[in-house]
Amino acid sequence: MSKSFLIAVNNVEDELIVNRSRFICYLRPCESIADAKLMLKELQQLHPQASHHCQAFLTKAADDSQGYGFSDDGEPSGTAGKPMLLALQGGGIGQVCAIVVRYFGGTKLGTGGLQRAYGGSVRQALTLLESKIKKAMVHKTLACQYSQVDDVLHLLGQIEGEVTSQDYQQDVVFQLAIPIEKLTLLQDKLQTLSAGQLCLTAVK
């Protein structure tokens, strides 16, 4: 991940009615295809009488062409999942899954009507979605003496880095996740702290 991007942080449920058909849109944070499948299964159980459970999801940034998927779930091809996906991508928030549960109201909407209803349902729900910035992180290893641990952790806290693992042996070996834009700053501060002894190295 080489750049920071917005991700979803809350659950949304929102309803749109078009010609007596109910379109209930659910939005949830989603980091993987497994998350999206789990959400779909849950909503299929929650709405067993619904006509369709259509889905679109982004597992990466909204503008990343790799991490997405969609399903029309029996609606005419291209009328549900794709418009939902385009709405999600247009929302600019990544790591989110949308499922629109449709209860058929007796009036056929046609392909254009379906596209507008499914896309519109997601766009309307997106106005309720909250987001935060997921910072681009780089992973590094740092070995230090026991006496330097408190100073290292203090510096790490200043740049909003994270310790992903630690190994206490003769020295202390930290595996670190560091915001990319703060990497040079941290390296400079470590050099100053240790008179050039402490150095970030690549993860083995």
N, C-alpha and C. Protein backbone atom coordinates (compact mmCIF):
# COMPACT_ATOMS: atom_id res chain seq x y z
N MET A 1 0.84 -1.19 0.00
CA MET A 1 0.00 0.00 0.00
C MET A 1 0.88 1.24 0.00
N SER A 2 0.90 1.97 -1.11
CA SER A 2 1.85 3.07 -1.25
C SER A 2 1.25 4.44 -0.99
N LYS A 3 -0.07 4.51 -0.77
CA LYS A 3 -0.66 5.82 -0.49
C LYS A 3 -1.81 5.66 0.50
N SER A 4 -2.10 6.74 1.21
CA SER A 4 -3.20 6.72 2.17
C SER A 4 -4.53 6.85 1.43
N PHE A 5 -5.60 6.30 2.03
CA PHE A 5 -6.92 6.44 1.40
C PHE A 5 -8.02 6.34 2.46
N LEU A 6 -9.22 6.78 2.09
CA LEU A 6 -10.36 6.75 2.99
C LEU A 6 -10.96 5.35 3.07
N ILE A 7 -11.34 4.93 4.29
CA ILE A 7 -12.01 3.65 4.48
C ILE A 7 -13.28 3.86 5.31
N ALA A 8 -14.23 2.94 5.13
CA ALA A 8 -15.50 3.00 5.87
C ALA A 8 -15.28 2.61 7.33
N VAL A 9 -16.05 3.25 8.24
CA VAL A 9 -15.89 2.91 9.66
C VAL A 9 -17.20 2.54 10.35
N ASN A 10 -18.36 2.82 9.72
CA ASN A 10 -19.62 2.53 10.41
C ASN A 10 -20.55 1.67 9.54
N ASN A 11 -21.59 1.13 10.16
CA ASN A 11 -22.61 0.38 9.44
C ASN A 11 -23.76 1.31 9.09
N VAL A 12 -24.31 1.14 7.88
CA VAL A 12 -25.42 1.96 7.42
C VAL A 12 -26.55 1.06 6.94
N GLU A 13 -27.78 1.43 7.26
CA GLU A 13 -28.97 0.79 6.69
C GLU A 13 -29.90 1.89 6.21
N ASP A 14 -30.28 1.84 4.94
CA ASP A 14 -31.08 2.92 4.37
C ASP A 14 -32.05 2.33 3.33
N GLU A 15 -33.26 2.88 3.25
CA GLU A 15 -34.28 2.30 2.36
C GLU A 15 -34.74 3.31 1.31
N LEU A 16 -34.92 2.79 0.09
CA LEU A 16 -35.43 3.57 -1.03
C LEU A 16 -36.61 2.81 -1.62
N ILE A 17 -37.71 3.50 -1.89
CA ILE A 17 -38.88 2.84 -2.48
C ILE A 17 -39.09 3.39 -3.89
N VAL A 18 -39.13 2.48 -4.87
CA VAL A 18 -39.33 2.85 -6.27
C VAL A 18 -40.47 2.00 -6.83
N ASN A 19 -41.59 2.65 -7.21
CA ASN A 19 -42.76 1.93 -7.75
C ASN A 19 -43.14 0.72 -6.88
N ARG A 20 -43.21 0.96 -5.61
CA ARG A 20 -43.62 -0.02 -4.59
C ARG A 20 -42.57 -1.12 -4.33
N SER A 21 -41.48 -1.16 -5.09
CA SER A 21 -40.38 -2.07 -4.75
C SER A 21 -39.53 -1.42 -3.65
N ARG A 22 -39.18 -2.22 -2.64
CA ARG A 22 -38.32 -1.73 -1.56
C ARG A 22 -36.87 -2.09 -1.85
N PHE A 23 -35.99 -1.12 -1.80
CA PHE A 23 -34.55 -1.34 -1.96
C PHE A 23 -33.89 -0.94 -0.64
N ILE A 24 -33.46 -1.94 0.13
CA ILE A 24 -32.83 -1.67 1.43
C ILE A 24 -31.32 -1.84 1.26
N CYS A 25 -30.59 -0.74 1.41
CA CYS A 25 -29.13 -0.78 1.21
C CYS A 25 -28.41 -0.86 2.55
N TYR A 26 -27.52 -1.84 2.64
CA TYR A 26 -26.66 -2.00 3.81
C TYR A 26 -25.21 -1.72 3.39
N LEU A 27 -24.54 -0.88 4.13
CA LEU A 27 -23.11 -0.62 3.93
C LEU A 27 -22.35 -1.02 5.18
N ARG A 28 -21.23 -1.71 4.99
CA ARG A 28 -20.38 -2.08 6.14
C ARG A 28 -18.91 -2.04 5.74
N PRO A 29 -18.03 -1.81 6.73
CA PRO A 29 -16.59 -1.92 6.45
C PRO A 29 -16.27 -3.34 5.96
N CYS A 30 -15.33 -3.43 5.03
CA CYS A 30 -15.03 -4.73 4.39
C CYS A 30 -13.56 -4.74 3.94
N GLU A 31 -12.77 -5.65 4.52
CA GLU A 31 -11.35 -5.71 4.17
C GLU A 31 -11.01 -6.86 3.24
N SER A 32 -11.97 -7.78 3.02
CA SER A 32 -11.64 -8.97 2.22
C SER A 32 -12.90 -9.53 1.56
N ILE A 33 -12.70 -10.42 0.59
CA ILE A 33 -13.82 -11.11 -0.05
C ILE A 33 -14.56 -11.95 0.98
N ALA A 34 -13.82 -12.51 1.94
CA ALA A 34 -14.45 -13.31 3.00
C ALA A 34 -15.42 -12.45 3.82
N ASP A 35 -15.06 -11.20 4.11
CA ASP A 35 -15.96 -10.28 4.83
C ASP A 35 -17.24 -10.06 4.03
N ALA A 36 -17.07 -9.87 2.71
CA ALA A 36 -18.22 -9.61 1.84
C ALA A 36 -19.15 -10.82 1.80
N LYS A 37 -18.57 -12.02 1.73
CA LYS A 37 -19.38 -13.26 1.69
C LYS A 37 -20.15 -13.45 3.00
N LEU A 38 -19.49 -13.15 4.10
CA LEU A 38 -20.12 -13.29 5.42
C LEU A 38 -21.31 -12.33 5.56
N MET A 39 -21.12 -11.11 5.11
CA MET A 39 -22.19 -10.12 5.17
C MET A 39 -23.38 -10.56 4.31
N LEU A 40 -23.08 -11.08 3.11
CA LEU A 40 -24.16 -11.54 2.22
C LEU A 40 -24.96 -12.67 2.85
N LYS A 41 -24.25 -13.62 3.43
CA LYS A 41 -24.91 -14.77 4.07
C LYS A 41 -25.83 -14.30 5.21
N GLU A 42 -25.32 -13.35 5.99
CA GLU A 42 -26.09 -12.83 7.13
C GLU A 42 -27.38 -12.15 6.67
N LEU A 43 -27.29 -11.36 5.60
CA LEU A 43 -28.47 -10.62 5.12
C LEU A 43 -29.45 -11.53 4.37
N GLN A 44 -28.92 -12.58 3.76
CA GLN A 44 -29.82 -13.57 3.15
C GLN A 44 -30.66 -14.26 4.22
N GLN A 45 -30.06 -14.50 5.37
CA GLN A 45 -30.78 -15.11 6.49
C GLN A 45 -31.75 -14.12 7.14
N LEU A 46 -31.36 -12.84 7.15
CA LEU A 46 -32.20 -11.80 7.75
C LEU A 46 -33.42 -11.48 6.87
N HIS A 47 -33.23 -11.61 5.55
CA HIS A 47 -34.31 -11.29 4.59
C HIS A 47 -34.57 -12.49 3.66
N PRO A 48 -35.04 -13.61 4.19
CA PRO A 48 -35.21 -14.81 3.36
C PRO A 48 -36.31 -14.65 2.30
N GLN A 49 -37.25 -13.73 2.51
CA GLN A 49 -38.37 -13.56 1.57
C GLN A 49 -38.06 -12.54 0.46
N ALA A 50 -36.91 -11.90 0.53
CA ALA A 50 -36.58 -10.87 -0.46
C ALA A 50 -36.40 -11.48 -1.85
N SER A 51 -36.68 -10.67 -2.89
CA SER A 51 -36.54 -11.14 -4.27
C SER A 51 -35.06 -11.28 -4.66
N HIS A 52 -34.24 -10.34 -4.21
CA HIS A 52 -32.82 -10.33 -4.61
C HIS A 52 -31.96 -9.78 -3.47
N HIS A 53 -30.71 -10.26 -3.44
CA HIS A 53 -29.70 -9.72 -2.51
C HIS A 53 -28.48 -9.37 -3.38
N CYS A 54 -28.45 -8.17 -3.92
CA CYS A 54 -27.39 -7.78 -4.85
C CYS A 54 -26.23 -7.13 -4.08
N GLN A 55 -25.03 -7.30 -4.63
CA GLN A 55 -23.85 -6.94 -3.85
C GLN A 55 -22.79 -6.24 -4.70
N ALA A 56 -22.05 -5.35 -4.07
CA ALA A 56 -20.83 -4.77 -4.65
C ALA A 56 -19.89 -4.45 -3.50
N PHE A 57 -18.60 -4.64 -3.71
CA PHE A 57 -17.67 -4.36 -2.61
C PHE A 57 -16.32 -3.89 -3.13
N LEU A 58 -15.63 -3.13 -2.28
CA LEU A 58 -14.27 -2.67 -2.51
C LEU A 58 -13.43 -3.12 -1.32
N THR A 59 -12.39 -3.92 -1.54
CA THR A 59 -11.54 -4.34 -0.43
C THR A 59 -10.28 -3.48 -0.30
N LYS A 60 -10.07 -2.61 -1.29
CA LYS A 60 -8.92 -1.71 -1.25
C LYS A 60 -9.43 -0.26 -1.39
N ALA A 61 -8.59 0.62 -1.90
CA ALA A 61 -9.01 2.01 -2.11
C ALA A 61 -10.11 2.06 -3.17
N ALA A 62 -10.92 3.13 -3.13
CA ALA A 62 -12.03 3.25 -4.09
C ALA A 62 -11.55 3.28 -5.53
N ASP A 63 -10.35 3.83 -5.75
CA ASP A 63 -9.85 3.92 -7.13
C ASP A 63 -8.87 2.80 -7.50
N ASP A 64 -8.80 1.76 -6.66
CA ASP A 64 -7.91 0.62 -6.93
C ASP A 64 -8.66 -0.40 -7.78
N SER A 65 -8.12 -0.72 -8.95
CA SER A 65 -8.82 -1.61 -9.88
C SER A 65 -8.69 -3.08 -9.51
N GLN A 66 -7.98 -3.40 -8.44
CA GLN A 66 -7.74 -4.80 -8.06
C GLN A 66 -8.81 -5.37 -7.13
N GLY A 67 -9.15 -4.64 -6.06
CA GLY A 67 -9.91 -5.26 -4.98
C GLY A 67 -11.40 -4.98 -5.01
N TYR A 68 -12.10 -5.48 -6.02
CA TYR A 68 -13.54 -5.24 -6.02
C TYR A 68 -14.29 -6.47 -6.56
N GLY A 69 -15.60 -6.50 -6.35
CA GLY A 69 -16.45 -7.56 -6.88
C GLY A 69 -17.90 -7.11 -6.84
N PHE A 70 -18.76 -7.80 -7.60
CA PHE A 70 -20.19 -7.45 -7.58
C PHE A 70 -21.02 -8.63 -8.08
N SER A 71 -22.30 -8.60 -7.75
CA SER A 71 -23.22 -9.67 -8.15
C SER A 71 -24.61 -9.10 -8.39
N ASP A 72 -25.26 -9.57 -9.48
CA ASP A 72 -26.63 -9.14 -9.80
C ASP A 72 -27.68 -10.01 -9.11
N ASP A 73 -27.29 -11.16 -8.61
CA ASP A 73 -28.19 -12.08 -7.89
C ASP A 73 -29.54 -12.26 -8.60
N GLY A 74 -29.49 -12.59 -9.88
CA GLY A 74 -30.73 -12.91 -10.59
C GLY A 74 -31.39 -11.75 -11.31
N GLU A 75 -30.99 -10.51 -11.01
CA GLU A 75 -31.50 -9.38 -11.77
C GLU A 75 -30.84 -9.43 -13.18
N PRO A 76 -31.44 -8.79 -14.19
CA PRO A 76 -30.82 -8.80 -15.52
C PRO A 76 -29.37 -8.32 -15.45
N SER A 77 -28.51 -8.95 -16.22
CA SER A 77 -27.07 -8.66 -16.17
C SER A 77 -26.78 -7.17 -16.34
N GLY A 78 -25.97 -6.63 -15.45
CA GLY A 78 -25.55 -5.23 -15.54
C GLY A 78 -26.51 -4.23 -14.94
N THR A 79 -27.62 -4.70 -14.34
CA THR A 79 -28.62 -3.75 -13.83
C THR A 79 -28.51 -3.50 -12.33
N ALA A 80 -27.73 -4.30 -11.63
CA ALA A 80 -27.69 -4.17 -10.17
C ALA A 80 -26.26 -4.02 -9.64
N GLY A 81 -25.47 -5.09 -9.72
CA GLY A 81 -24.12 -5.08 -9.14
C GLY A 81 -23.22 -4.00 -9.70
N LYS A 82 -23.24 -3.83 -11.04
CA LYS A 82 -22.34 -2.84 -11.67
C LYS A 82 -22.71 -1.41 -11.29
N PRO A 83 -24.00 -1.02 -11.37
CA PRO A 83 -24.35 0.34 -10.92
C PRO A 83 -24.02 0.57 -9.44
N MET A 84 -24.17 -0.48 -8.62
CA MET A 84 -23.82 -0.36 -7.20
C MET A 84 -22.33 -0.13 -7.04
N LEU A 85 -21.53 -0.89 -7.82
CA LEU A 85 -20.07 -0.75 -7.75
C LEU A 85 -19.64 0.65 -8.19
N LEU A 86 -20.23 1.13 -9.28
CA LEU A 86 -19.88 2.47 -9.77
C LEU A 86 -20.23 3.53 -8.73
N ALA A 87 -21.35 3.34 -8.03
CA ALA A 87 -21.73 4.28 -6.96
C ALA A 87 -20.71 4.26 -5.83
N LEU A 88 -20.27 3.06 -5.45
CA LEU A 88 -19.26 2.93 -4.39
C LEU A 88 -17.96 3.62 -4.80
N GLN A 89 -17.51 3.33 -6.03
CA GLN A 89 -16.25 3.94 -6.51
C GLN A 89 -16.38 5.45 -6.56
N GLY A 90 -17.55 5.94 -6.96
CA GLY A 90 -17.78 7.38 -7.02
C GLY A 90 -17.81 8.03 -5.65
N GLY A 91 -18.13 7.23 -4.62
CA GLY A 91 -18.17 7.75 -3.26
C GLY A 91 -16.80 8.04 -2.69
N GLY A 92 -15.76 7.43 -3.29
CA GLY A 92 -14.39 7.73 -2.88
C GLY A 92 -13.94 7.09 -1.58
N ILE A 93 -14.75 6.19 -1.01
CA ILE A 93 -14.40 5.53 0.25
C ILE A 93 -14.14 4.05 -0.03
N GLY A 94 -12.97 3.56 0.37
CA GLY A 94 -12.60 2.17 0.14
C GLY A 94 -12.96 1.26 1.30
N GLN A 95 -12.63 -0.02 1.13
CA GLN A 95 -12.88 -1.06 2.15
C GLN A 95 -14.32 -1.00 2.65
N VAL A 96 -15.26 -1.12 1.71
CA VAL A 96 -16.68 -1.07 2.05
C VAL A 96 -17.44 -2.07 1.19
N CYS A 97 -18.48 -2.66 1.77
CA CYS A 97 -19.34 -3.59 1.05
C CYS A 97 -20.77 -3.04 1.07
N ALA A 98 -21.43 -3.09 -0.09
CA ALA A 98 -22.83 -2.67 -0.19
C ALA A 98 -23.67 -3.87 -0.61
N ILE A 99 -24.76 -4.10 0.09
CA ILE A 99 -25.74 -5.10 -0.31
C ILE A 99 -27.10 -4.42 -0.35
N VAL A 100 -27.77 -4.55 -1.49
CA VAL A 100 -29.12 -4.00 -1.62
C VAL A 100 -30.10 -5.16 -1.67
N VAL A 101 -30.97 -5.20 -0.68
CA VAL A 101 -32.00 -6.22 -0.57
C VAL A 101 -33.27 -5.66 -1.23
N ARG A 102 -33.77 -6.38 -2.24
CA ARG A 102 -34.96 -5.88 -2.95
C ARG A 102 -36.18 -6.75 -2.66
N TYR A 103 -37.25 -6.07 -2.29
CA TYR A 103 -38.56 -6.71 -2.21
C TYR A 103 -39.39 -6.21 -3.39
N PHE A 104 -39.73 -7.10 -4.31
CA PHE A 104 -40.42 -6.72 -5.54
C PHE A 104 -41.83 -6.20 -5.23
N GLY A 105 -42.16 -5.04 -5.83
CA GLY A 105 -43.44 -4.40 -5.52
C GLY A 105 -44.53 -4.65 -6.53
N GLY A 106 -44.26 -5.50 -7.54
CA GLY A 106 -45.30 -5.84 -8.51
C GLY A 106 -45.18 -5.12 -9.84
N THR A 107 -44.36 -4.08 -9.91
CA THR A 107 -44.19 -3.33 -11.16
C THR A 107 -42.76 -3.50 -11.66
N LYS A 108 -42.62 -3.99 -12.90
CA LYS A 108 -41.26 -4.14 -13.47
C LYS A 108 -40.69 -2.76 -13.79
N LEU A 109 -39.42 -2.58 -13.48
CA LEU A 109 -38.80 -1.27 -13.63
C LEU A 109 -38.03 -1.11 -14.94
N GLY A 110 -37.78 -2.22 -15.64
CA GLY A 110 -36.95 -2.14 -16.85
C GLY A 110 -35.49 -2.00 -16.49
N THR A 111 -34.62 -2.22 -17.49
CA THR A 111 -33.17 -2.20 -17.19
C THR A 111 -32.70 -0.84 -16.69
N GLY A 112 -33.15 0.25 -17.36
CA GLY A 112 -32.73 1.59 -16.93
C GLY A 112 -33.24 1.92 -15.54
N GLY A 113 -34.48 1.52 -15.26
CA GLY A 113 -35.06 1.77 -13.95
C GLY A 113 -34.34 1.02 -12.84
N LEU A 114 -33.97 -0.21 -13.15
CA LEU A 114 -33.22 -1.01 -12.17
C LEU A 114 -31.86 -0.39 -11.90
N GLN A 115 -31.17 -0.01 -12.96
CA GLN A 115 -29.85 0.61 -12.78
C GLN A 115 -29.94 1.86 -11.92
N ARG A 116 -30.95 2.69 -12.18
CA ARG A 116 -31.12 3.92 -11.39
C ARG A 116 -31.47 3.60 -9.94
N ALA A 117 -32.32 2.58 -9.74
CA ALA A 117 -32.75 2.23 -8.38
C ALA A 117 -31.59 1.66 -7.55
N TYR A 118 -30.85 0.71 -8.13
CA TYR A 118 -29.75 0.10 -7.37
C TYR A 118 -28.61 1.10 -7.14
N GLY A 119 -28.24 1.83 -8.18
CA GLY A 119 -27.18 2.84 -8.03
C GLY A 119 -27.61 3.94 -7.07
N GLY A 120 -28.87 4.38 -7.22
CA GLY A 120 -29.39 5.45 -6.36
C GLY A 120 -29.50 5.03 -4.91
N SER A 121 -29.85 3.77 -4.68
CA SER A 121 -29.96 3.25 -3.31
C SER A 121 -28.60 3.33 -2.61
N VAL A 122 -27.53 2.95 -3.33
CA VAL A 122 -26.18 3.01 -2.74
C VAL A 122 -25.74 4.45 -2.53
N ARG A 123 -25.99 5.31 -3.53
CA ARG A 123 -25.58 6.72 -3.40
C ARG A 123 -26.27 7.39 -2.22
N GLN A 124 -27.55 7.07 -2.03
CA GLN A 124 -28.30 7.65 -0.90
C GLN A 124 -27.72 7.16 0.43
N ALA A 125 -27.39 5.87 0.51
CA ALA A 125 -26.83 5.31 1.75
C ALA A 125 -25.44 5.88 2.04
N LEU A 126 -24.68 6.17 0.97
CA LEU A 126 -23.31 6.70 1.15
C LEU A 126 -23.30 8.04 1.88
N THR A 127 -24.41 8.78 1.83
CA THR A 127 -24.46 10.06 2.54
C THR A 127 -24.42 9.86 4.05
N LEU A 128 -24.72 8.64 4.50
CA LEU A 128 -24.72 8.32 5.93
C LEU A 128 -23.43 7.61 6.38
N LEU A 129 -22.56 7.31 5.40
CA LEU A 129 -21.35 6.55 5.72
C LEU A 129 -20.25 7.46 6.26
N GLU A 130 -19.64 7.03 7.37
CA GLU A 130 -18.51 7.77 7.94
C GLU A 130 -17.21 7.11 7.50
N SER A 131 -16.15 7.88 7.46
CA SER A 131 -14.87 7.34 6.99
C SER A 131 -13.71 7.90 7.81
N LYS A 132 -12.58 7.26 7.65
CA LYS A 132 -11.33 7.78 8.24
C LYS A 132 -10.21 7.47 7.25
N ILE A 133 -9.08 8.11 7.46
CA ILE A 133 -7.95 7.88 6.56
C ILE A 133 -7.16 6.66 7.02
N LYS A 134 -6.96 5.72 6.12
CA LYS A 134 -6.06 4.59 6.39
C LYS A 134 -4.69 4.99 5.85
N LYS A 135 -3.75 5.14 6.75
CA LYS A 135 -2.44 5.64 6.35
C LYS A 135 -1.61 4.54 5.68
N ALA A 136 -0.89 4.94 4.64
CA ALA A 136 0.03 4.02 3.98
C ALA A 136 1.20 3.75 4.94
N MET A 137 1.47 2.47 5.19
CA MET A 137 2.50 2.10 6.15
C MET A 137 3.61 1.29 5.45
N VAL A 138 4.83 1.45 5.96
CA VAL A 138 5.95 0.64 5.50
C VAL A 138 6.44 -0.16 6.71
N HIS A 139 6.86 -1.41 6.47
CA HIS A 139 7.26 -2.29 7.57
C HIS A 139 8.79 -2.37 7.65
N LYS A 140 9.31 -2.15 8.86
CA LYS A 140 10.75 -2.16 9.09
C LYS A 140 11.08 -2.92 10.38
N THR A 141 12.33 -3.34 10.48
CA THR A 141 12.85 -3.99 11.69
C THR A 141 13.81 -3.03 12.40
N LEU A 142 13.76 -3.03 13.73
CA LEU A 142 14.68 -2.20 14.50
C LEU A 142 15.18 -2.98 15.71
N ALA A 143 16.50 -3.09 15.82
CA ALA A 143 17.10 -3.72 17.00
C ALA A 143 17.66 -2.61 17.89
N CYS A 144 17.38 -2.71 19.21
CA CYS A 144 17.90 -1.69 20.13
C CYS A 144 18.23 -2.35 21.47
N GLN A 145 18.94 -1.62 22.32
CA GLN A 145 19.26 -2.11 23.65
C GLN A 145 18.06 -1.89 24.57
N TYR A 146 18.03 -2.65 25.66
CA TYR A 146 16.92 -2.52 26.61
C TYR A 146 16.78 -1.09 27.12
N SER A 147 17.92 -0.42 27.32
CA SER A 147 17.89 0.95 27.87
C SER A 147 17.31 1.96 26.88
N GLN A 148 17.19 1.55 25.60
CA GLN A 148 16.69 2.49 24.58
C GLN A 148 15.21 2.29 24.26
N VAL A 149 14.61 1.24 24.84
CA VAL A 149 13.23 0.87 24.47
C VAL A 149 12.25 2.02 24.70
N ASP A 150 12.30 2.65 25.87
CA ASP A 150 11.33 3.72 26.18
C ASP A 150 11.45 4.88 25.19
N ASP A 151 12.69 5.23 24.85
CA ASP A 151 12.91 6.34 23.89
C ASP A 151 12.38 5.97 22.50
N VAL A 152 12.63 4.74 22.09
CA VAL A 152 12.17 4.27 20.77
C VAL A 152 10.64 4.30 20.72
N LEU A 153 9.99 3.79 21.77
CA LEU A 153 8.52 3.76 21.80
C LEU A 153 7.95 5.18 21.82
N HIS A 154 8.64 6.10 22.50
CA HIS A 154 8.20 7.49 22.54
C HIS A 154 8.25 8.10 21.14
N LEU A 155 9.35 7.88 20.42
CA LEU A 155 9.48 8.40 19.06
C LEU A 155 8.41 7.80 18.14
N LEU A 156 8.18 6.51 18.31
CA LEU A 156 7.19 5.82 17.48
C LEU A 156 5.79 6.40 17.69
N GLY A 157 5.49 6.71 18.97
CA GLY A 157 4.20 7.32 19.29
C GLY A 157 4.04 8.69 18.64
N GLN A 158 5.13 9.44 18.57
CA GLN A 158 5.09 10.79 17.99
C GLN A 158 4.72 10.76 16.51
N ILE A 159 5.13 9.72 15.80
CA ILE A 159 4.86 9.66 14.35
C ILE A 159 3.68 8.73 14.03
N GLU A 160 2.97 8.27 15.08
CA GLU A 160 1.81 7.39 14.91
C GLU A 160 2.17 6.07 14.23
N GLY A 161 3.34 5.54 14.60
CA GLY A 161 3.73 4.21 14.12
C GLY A 161 3.22 3.13 15.07
N GLU A 162 3.40 1.88 14.69
CA GLU A 162 2.91 0.76 15.50
C GLU A 162 3.99 -0.31 15.63
N VAL A 163 4.01 -0.96 16.80
CA VAL A 163 4.84 -2.16 16.97
C VAL A 163 3.98 -3.36 16.59
N THR A 164 4.39 -4.10 15.55
CA THR A 164 3.59 -5.26 15.12
C THR A 164 4.05 -6.54 15.82
N SER A 165 5.32 -6.59 16.23
CA SER A 165 5.80 -7.71 17.05
C SER A 165 7.10 -7.29 17.73
N GLN A 166 7.44 -8.01 18.81
CA GLN A 166 8.67 -7.68 19.53
C GLN A 166 9.31 -8.96 20.05
N ASP A 167 10.62 -8.98 20.04
CA ASP A 167 11.37 -10.17 20.45
C ASP A 167 12.47 -9.73 21.42
N TYR A 168 12.33 -10.14 22.67
CA TYR A 168 13.30 -9.74 23.70
C TYR A 168 14.36 -10.83 23.85
N GLN A 169 15.55 -10.57 23.34
CA GLN A 169 16.68 -11.49 23.49
C GLN A 169 17.86 -10.72 24.06
N GLN A 170 19.02 -10.90 23.48
CA GLN A 170 20.17 -10.11 23.96
C GLN A 170 19.91 -8.61 23.73
N ASP A 171 19.36 -8.32 22.55
CA ASP A 171 18.82 -6.99 22.26
C ASP A 171 17.31 -7.13 22.13
N VAL A 172 16.64 -6.01 21.99
CA VAL A 172 15.19 -6.02 21.70
C VAL A 172 15.02 -5.79 20.21
N VAL A 173 14.29 -6.69 19.56
CA VAL A 173 14.05 -6.55 18.12
C VAL A 173 12.56 -6.26 17.89
N PHE A 174 12.31 -5.07 17.36
CA PHE A 174 10.93 -4.66 17.06
C PHE A 174 10.64 -4.82 15.57
N GLN A 175 9.44 -5.30 15.26
CA GLN A 175 8.91 -5.17 13.89
C GLN A 175 7.95 -3.98 13.94
N LEU A 176 8.16 -3.02 13.05
CA LEU A 176 7.42 -1.77 13.11
C LEU A 176 6.61 -1.52 11.84
N ALA A 177 5.45 -0.88 12.01
CA ALA A 177 4.68 -0.35 10.88
C ALA A 177 4.74 1.17 11.00
N ILE A 178 5.30 1.82 9.98
CA ILE A 178 5.59 3.26 10.05
C ILE A 178 4.89 3.97 8.90
N PRO A 179 4.15 5.07 9.19
CA PRO A 179 3.56 5.84 8.09
C PRO A 179 4.64 6.26 7.09
N ILE A 180 4.40 5.99 5.80
CA ILE A 180 5.42 6.24 4.78
C ILE A 180 5.95 7.67 4.83
N GLU A 181 5.02 8.63 5.03
CA GLU A 181 5.46 10.03 4.98
C GLU A 181 6.29 10.42 6.20
N LYS A 182 6.33 9.56 7.24
CA LYS A 182 7.11 9.87 8.46
C LYS A 182 8.39 9.03 8.56
N LEU A 183 8.64 8.21 7.54
CA LEU A 183 9.78 7.28 7.61
C LEU A 183 11.12 8.00 7.77
N THR A 184 11.37 9.01 6.94
CA THR A 184 12.64 9.74 7.00
C THR A 184 12.79 10.47 8.32
N LEU A 185 11.68 11.05 8.80
CA LEU A 185 11.69 11.75 10.08
C LEU A 185 12.08 10.81 11.22
N LEU A 186 11.50 9.62 11.23
CA LEU A 186 11.82 8.65 12.30
C LEU A 186 13.28 8.23 12.22
N GLN A 187 13.76 7.95 11.01
CA GLN A 187 15.16 7.54 10.85
C GLN A 187 16.10 8.63 11.37
N ASP A 188 15.79 9.88 11.05
CA ASP A 188 16.62 11.01 11.51
C ASP A 188 16.63 11.11 13.04
N LYS A 189 15.45 10.94 13.64
CA LYS A 189 15.34 11.04 15.10
C LYS A 189 16.07 9.89 15.79
N LEU A 190 16.00 8.69 15.20
CA LEU A 190 16.72 7.54 15.77
C LEU A 190 18.23 7.76 15.70
N GLN A 191 18.69 8.33 14.58
CA GLN A 191 20.12 8.62 14.43
C GLN A 191 20.58 9.61 15.50
N THR A 192 19.77 10.65 15.71
CA THR A 192 20.11 11.68 16.71
C THR A 192 20.12 11.08 18.12
N LEU A 193 19.09 10.26 18.40
CA LEU A 193 18.94 9.64 19.72
C LEU A 193 20.14 8.75 20.07
N SER A 194 20.65 8.03 19.07
CA SER A 194 21.63 6.98 19.36
C SER A 194 23.02 7.27 18.80
N ALA A 195 23.23 8.52 18.38
CA ALA A 195 24.52 8.89 17.76
C ALA A 195 24.84 7.95 16.60
N GLY A 196 23.82 7.66 15.80
CA GLY A 196 24.04 6.86 14.59
C GLY A 196 23.96 5.36 14.75
N GLN A 197 23.72 4.87 16.00
CA GLN A 197 23.70 3.40 16.24
C GLN A 197 22.41 2.74 15.75
N LEU A 198 21.29 3.39 16.00
CA LEU A 198 20.00 2.78 15.66
C LEU A 198 19.65 3.01 14.20
N CYS A 199 19.32 1.91 13.52
CA CYS A 199 19.06 2.00 12.09
C CYS A 199 17.91 1.06 11.72
N LEU A 200 16.95 1.57 10.99
CA LEU A 200 15.86 0.74 10.51
C LEU A 200 16.35 -0.15 9.38
N THR A 201 15.95 -1.40 9.41
CA THR A 201 16.37 -2.33 8.35
C THR A 201 15.14 -3.00 7.73
N ALA A 202 15.35 -3.59 6.56
CA ALA A 202 14.25 -4.25 5.86
C ALA A 202 13.77 -5.46 6.67
N VAL A 203 12.49 -5.76 6.59
CA VAL A 203 11.94 -6.94 7.27
C VAL A 203 12.43 -8.20 6.55
N LYS A 204 12.97 -9.15 7.33
CA LYS A 204 13.51 -10.37 6.71
C LYS A 204 12.40 -11.41 6.57
